Amino acid sequence: IRVMIHEPKCAFAKNRTPIDVGLDGDEVIKLRNYVIGHYAQRSRRSIAMVIADLKRHSYMTPTEARTYGIVDSVAADWEV
């Protein structure tokens, strides 16, 4: 099992108006900034480091993802 983080992406339908595309683009930018801020806070990494991780499509094991701060626990750690 792997966990991947990457930048948000958006695909636009061909029949969209420029205004619609602009509004959707603004939402993607807001989402990206929220994710970067949240990951930086949870991982205690710099914003620049989080941006670099998102750009390179970082793959992690569940344990690495927990250490990074993007998951709270790994199911194998739970007692049933």
C-alpha atoms as a PDB file:
ATOM      1  CA  ILE A   1       0.000   0.000   0.000  1.00  0.00           C
ATOM      2  CA  ARG A   2       1.302   3.444  -0.926  1.00  0.00           C
ATOM      3  CA  VAL A   3       0.157   6.964  -0.210  1.00  0.00           C
ATOM      4  CA  MET A   4       0.770   9.670  -2.799  1.00  0.00           C
ATOM      5  CA  ILE A   5       0.545  13.415  -2.466  1.00  0.00           C
ATOM      6  CA  HIS A   6       0.407  15.685  -5.496  1.00  0.00           C
ATOM      7  CA  GLU A   7      -0.838  19.085  -6.532  1.00  0.00           C
ATOM      8  CA  PRO A   8      -4.557  19.562  -7.176  1.00  0.00           C
ATOM      9  CA  LYS A   9      -5.437  19.524 -10.863  1.00  0.00           C
ATOM     10  CA  CYS A  10      -8.510  20.606 -12.751  1.00  0.00           C
ATOM     11  CA  ALA A  11      -9.809  19.610 -16.173  1.00  0.00           C
ATOM     12  CA  PHE A  12     -12.212  21.952 -17.887  1.00  0.00           C
ATOM     13  CA  ALA A  13     -15.020  20.968 -20.227  1.00  0.00           C
ATOM     14  CA  LYS A  14     -14.738  22.386 -23.736  1.00  0.00           C
ATOM     15  CA  ASN A  15     -18.051  24.236 -23.518  1.00  0.00           C
ATOM     16  CA  ARG A  16     -17.067  26.319 -20.466  1.00  0.00           C
ATOM     17  CA  THR A  17     -16.960  30.100 -20.715  1.00  0.00           C
ATOM     18  CA  PRO A  18     -13.742  31.936 -19.832  1.00  0.00           C
ATOM     19  CA  ILE A  19     -15.470  33.298 -16.730  1.00  0.00           C
ATOM     20  CA  ASP A  20     -16.379  29.769 -15.574  1.00  0.00           C
ATOM     21  CA  VAL A  21     -12.830  28.567 -16.186  1.00  0.00           C
ATOM     22  CA  GLY A  22     -11.460  31.539 -14.247  1.00  0.00           C
ATOM     23  CA  LEU A  23     -13.763  30.869 -11.301  1.00  0.00           C
ATOM     24  CA  ASP A  24     -12.846  27.184 -11.261  1.00  0.00           C
ATOM     25  CA  GLY A  25      -9.160  28.086 -11.491  1.00  0.00           C
ATOM     26  CA  ASP A  26      -9.543  30.383  -8.492  1.00  0.00           C
ATOM     27  CA  GLU A  27     -11.099  27.524  -6.519  1.00  0.00           C
ATOM     28  CA  VAL A  28      -8.216  25.194  -7.435  1.00  0.00           C
ATOM     29  CA  ILE A  29      -5.728  27.827  -6.242  1.00  0.00           C
ATOM     30  CA  LYS A  30      -7.642  28.215  -2.956  1.00  0.00           C
ATOM     31  CA  LEU A  31      -7.682  24.430  -2.520  1.00  0.00           C
ATOM     32  CA  ARG A  32      -3.955  24.185  -3.297  1.00  0.00           C
ATOM     33  CA  ASN A  33      -3.115  26.903  -0.757  1.00  0.00           C
ATOM     34  CA  TYR A  34      -5.299  25.237   1.883  1.00  0.00           C
ATOM     35  CA  VAL A  35      -3.655  21.839   1.303  1.00  0.00           C
ATOM     36  CA  ILE A  36      -0.156  23.339   1.407  1.00  0.00           C
ATOM     37  CA  GLY A  37      -0.895  25.186   4.651  1.00  0.00           C
ATOM     38  CA  HIS A  38      -2.481  22.139   6.250  1.00  0.00           C
ATOM     39  CA  TYR A  39       0.355  19.797   5.220  1.00  0.00           C
ATOM     40  CA  ALA A  40       2.977  22.315   6.401  1.00  0.00           C
ATOM     41  CA  GLN A  41       1.256  22.634   9.770  1.00  0.00           C
ATOM     42  CA  ARG A  42       0.729  18.893  10.267  1.00  0.00           C
ATOM     43  CA  SER A  43       4.184  17.878   9.050  1.00  0.00           C
ATOM     44  CA  ARG A  44       6.088  20.787  10.610  1.00  0.00           C
ATOM     45  CA  ARG A  45       7.808  21.254   7.250  1.00  0.00           C
ATOM     46  CA  SER A  46       8.322  24.553   5.489  1.00  0.00           C
ATOM     47  CA  ILE A  47       5.815  25.643   2.883  1.00  0.00           C
ATOM     48  CA  ALA A  48       8.612  25.485   0.287  1.00  0.00           C
ATOM     49  CA  MET A  49       9.321  21.848   1.205  1.00  0.00           C
ATOM     50  CA  VAL A  50       5.634  20.897   1.003  1.00  0.00           C
ATOM     51  CA  ILE A  51       5.340  22.589  -2.403  1.00  0.00           C
ATOM     52  CA  ALA A  52       8.375  20.625  -3.629  1.00  0.00           C
ATOM     53  CA  ASP A  53       6.839  17.373  -2.329  1.00  0.00           C
ATOM     54  CA  LEU A  54       3.537  18.098  -4.094  1.00  0.00           C
ATOM     55  CA  LYS A  55       5.263  18.888  -7.390  1.00  0.00           C
ATOM     56  CA  ARG A  56       7.179  15.626  -7.517  1.00  0.00           C
ATOM     57  CA  HIS A  57       4.247  13.294  -6.711  1.00  0.00           C
ATOM     58  CA  SER A  58       5.703  11.925  -3.474  1.00  0.00           C
ATOM     59  CA  TYR A  59       4.951   8.273  -2.733  1.00  0.00           C
ATOM     60  CA  MET A  60       5.114   7.027   0.863  1.00  0.00           C
ATOM     61  CA  THR A  61       4.444   3.918   2.850  1.00  0.00           C
ATOM     62  CA  PRO A  62       1.615   4.255   5.367  1.00  0.00           C
ATOM     63  CA  THR A  63       4.187   4.615   8.148  1.00  0.00           C
ATOM     64  CA  GLU A  64       6.035   7.332   6.206  1.00  0.00           C
ATOM     65  CA  ALA A  65       2.707   9.113   5.633  1.00  0.00           C
ATOM     66  CA  ARG A  66       2.032   8.990   9.380  1.00  0.00           C
ATOM     67  CA  THR A  67       5.500  10.390  10.077  1.00  0.00           C
ATOM     68  CA  TYR A  68       4.905  13.090   7.441  1.00  0.00           C
ATOM     69  CA  GLY A  69       1.688  13.993   9.261  1.00  0.00           C
ATOM     70  CA  ILE A  70      -0.926  13.369   6.563  1.00  0.00           C
ATOM     71  CA  VAL A  71      -2.496  10.311   8.210  1.00  0.00           C
ATOM     72  CA  ASP A  72      -3.360   9.882  11.882  1.00  0.00           C
ATOM     73  CA  SER A  73      -2.820   6.148  12.185  1.00  0.00           C
ATOM     74  CA  VAL A  74      -2.112   3.016  10.207  1.00  0.00           C
ATOM     75  CA  ALA A  75      -4.679   0.206  10.366  1.00  0.00           C
ATOM     76  CA  ALA A  76      -1.992  -2.382  11.146  1.00  0.00           C
ATOM     77  CA  ASP A  77      -1.334  -0.417  14.363  1.00  0.00           C
ATOM     78  CA  TRP A  78      -4.902  -0.831  15.595  1.00  0.00           C
ATOM     79  CA  GLU A  79      -5.873  -3.561  18.001  1.00  0.00           C
ATOM     80  CA  VAL A  80      -9.015  -5.416  16.993  1.00  0.00           C
END
